[in-house]
Amino acid sequence: MSRLRISLDELLPIKQAVRTLPRALDRLDRAEAPHFVITKRNQPRAVLISLDRYERLLAAFDEASAERVV
């Protein structure tokens, strides 16, 4: 597993995420943040990204997978 490089402004503790999810989603939509790393007990647990970015990642993954098959 690779080491994560996470800046403090990317961290979103789960308790804060519960209270501020609409605001975090707005920031993602406005491209004010590329993602948020959701933490629980100071450990990274999940990454929150915009739907647009997720779709681009899936497309890139599908393309890379198709290239390996050919």
C-alpha atoms as a PDB file:
ATOM      1  CA  MET A   1       0.000   0.000   0.000  1.00  0.00           C
ATOM      2  CA  SER A   2       1.334   3.434  -0.902  1.00  0.00           C
ATOM      3  CA  ARG A   3       1.692   6.257   1.569  1.00  0.00           C
ATOM      4  CA  LEU A   4      -0.967   8.911   1.417  1.00  0.00           C
ATOM      5  CA  ARG A   5      -0.020  12.553   1.178  1.00  0.00           C
ATOM      6  CA  ILE A   6      -2.826  14.439   2.851  1.00  0.00           C
ATOM      7  CA  SER A   7      -2.856  18.124   3.639  1.00  0.00           C
ATOM      8  CA  LEU A   8      -4.723  19.409   6.676  1.00  0.00           C
ATOM      9  CA  ASP A   9      -7.353  21.183   4.562  1.00  0.00           C
ATOM     10  CA  GLU A  10      -8.230  17.846   2.922  1.00  0.00           C
ATOM     11  CA  LEU A  11      -8.983  16.120   6.230  1.00  0.00           C
ATOM     12  CA  LEU A  12     -12.586  15.825   7.299  1.00  0.00           C
ATOM     13  CA  PRO A  13     -13.152  14.009  10.596  1.00  0.00           C
ATOM     14  CA  ILE A  14     -16.287  11.895  10.467  1.00  0.00           C
ATOM     15  CA  LYS A  15     -18.037  13.870  13.220  1.00  0.00           C
ATOM     16  CA  GLN A  16     -17.439  17.078  11.269  1.00  0.00           C
ATOM     17  CA  ALA A  17     -18.470  15.396   7.999  1.00  0.00           C
ATOM     18  CA  VAL A  18     -21.846  14.504   9.471  1.00  0.00           C
ATOM     19  CA  ARG A  19     -22.463  18.155  10.367  1.00  0.00           C
ATOM     20  CA  THR A  20     -20.966  19.773   7.264  1.00  0.00           C
ATOM     21  CA  LEU A  21     -21.604  17.361   4.390  1.00  0.00           C
ATOM     22  CA  PRO A  22     -23.714  19.824   2.347  1.00  0.00           C
ATOM     23  CA  ARG A  23     -20.945  22.435   2.605  1.00  0.00           C
ATOM     24  CA  ALA A  24     -18.273  19.880   1.623  1.00  0.00           C
ATOM     25  CA  LEU A  25     -20.336  18.846  -1.413  1.00  0.00           C
ATOM     26  CA  ASP A  26     -20.711  22.494  -2.432  1.00  0.00           C
ATOM     27  CA  ARG A  27     -16.940  22.951  -2.213  1.00  0.00           C
ATOM     28  CA  LEU A  28     -16.421  19.900  -4.430  1.00  0.00           C
ATOM     29  CA  ASP A  29     -18.983  21.162  -6.951  1.00  0.00           C
ATOM     30  CA  ARG A  30     -17.268  24.558  -7.122  1.00  0.00           C
ATOM     31  CA  ALA A  31     -13.848  22.861  -7.449  1.00  0.00           C
ATOM     32  CA  GLU A  32     -12.664  24.604  -4.291  1.00  0.00           C
ATOM     33  CA  ALA A  33     -11.372  21.231  -3.097  1.00  0.00           C
ATOM     34  CA  PRO A  34     -10.435  18.200  -5.220  1.00  0.00           C
ATOM     35  CA  HIS A  35     -11.432  15.736  -2.490  1.00  0.00           C
ATOM     36  CA  PHE A  36     -11.780  15.218   1.230  1.00  0.00           C
ATOM     37  CA  VAL A  37     -10.265  12.403   3.241  1.00  0.00           C
ATOM     38  CA  ILE A  38     -12.772  11.230   5.827  1.00  0.00           C
ATOM     39  CA  THR A  39     -11.072  10.150   9.033  1.00  0.00           C
ATOM     40  CA  LYS A  40     -12.251   8.144  11.990  1.00  0.00           C
ATOM     41  CA  ARG A  41     -10.136   8.165  15.129  1.00  0.00           C
ATOM     42  CA  ASN A  42      -7.454  10.060  13.177  1.00  0.00           C
ATOM     43  CA  GLN A  43      -7.156   7.277  10.584  1.00  0.00           C
ATOM     44  CA  PRO A  44      -8.056   7.793   6.899  1.00  0.00           C
ATOM     45  CA  ARG A  45     -11.151   5.723   6.132  1.00  0.00           C
ATOM     46  CA  ALA A  46     -12.661   7.051   2.893  1.00  0.00           C
ATOM     47  CA  VAL A  47     -12.315   9.689   0.204  1.00  0.00           C
ATOM     48  CA  LEU A  48     -15.131  12.014  -0.837  1.00  0.00           C
ATOM     49  CA  ILE A  49     -14.936  13.218  -4.446  1.00  0.00           C
ATOM     50  CA  SER A  50     -17.358  14.840  -6.859  1.00  0.00           C
ATOM     51  CA  LEU A  51     -19.443  12.662  -9.141  1.00  0.00           C
ATOM     52  CA  ASP A  52     -17.742  14.238 -12.160  1.00  0.00           C
ATOM     53  CA  ARG A  53     -14.294  13.294 -10.862  1.00  0.00           C
ATOM     54  CA  TYR A  54     -15.500   9.781 -10.003  1.00  0.00           C
ATOM     55  CA  GLU A  55     -16.816   9.300 -13.538  1.00  0.00           C
ATOM     56  CA  ARG A  56     -13.480  10.471 -14.983  1.00  0.00           C
ATOM     57  CA  LEU A  57     -11.594   8.049 -12.739  1.00  0.00           C
ATOM     58  CA  LEU A  58     -13.849   5.186 -13.815  1.00  0.00           C
ATOM     59  CA  ALA A  59     -13.369   6.055 -17.478  1.00  0.00           C
ATOM     60  CA  ALA A  60      -9.590   6.169 -17.037  1.00  0.00           C
ATOM     61  CA  PHE A  61      -9.672   2.840 -15.197  1.00  0.00           C
ATOM     62  CA  ASP A  62     -11.829   1.253 -17.897  1.00  0.00           C
ATOM     63  CA  GLU A  63      -9.490   2.551 -20.586  1.00  0.00           C
ATOM     64  CA  ALA A  64      -6.412   1.228 -18.774  1.00  0.00           C
ATOM     65  CA  SER A  65      -8.099  -2.135 -18.230  1.00  0.00           C
ATOM     66  CA  ALA A  66      -9.042  -2.395 -21.906  1.00  0.00           C
ATOM     67  CA  GLU A  67      -5.460  -1.655 -22.948  1.00  0.00           C
ATOM     68  CA  ARG A  68      -4.177  -4.515 -20.771  1.00  0.00           C
ATOM     69  CA  VAL A  69      -6.593  -6.992 -22.351  1.00  0.00           C
ATOM     70  CA  VAL A  70      -5.656  -6.184 -25.943  1.00  0.00           C
END
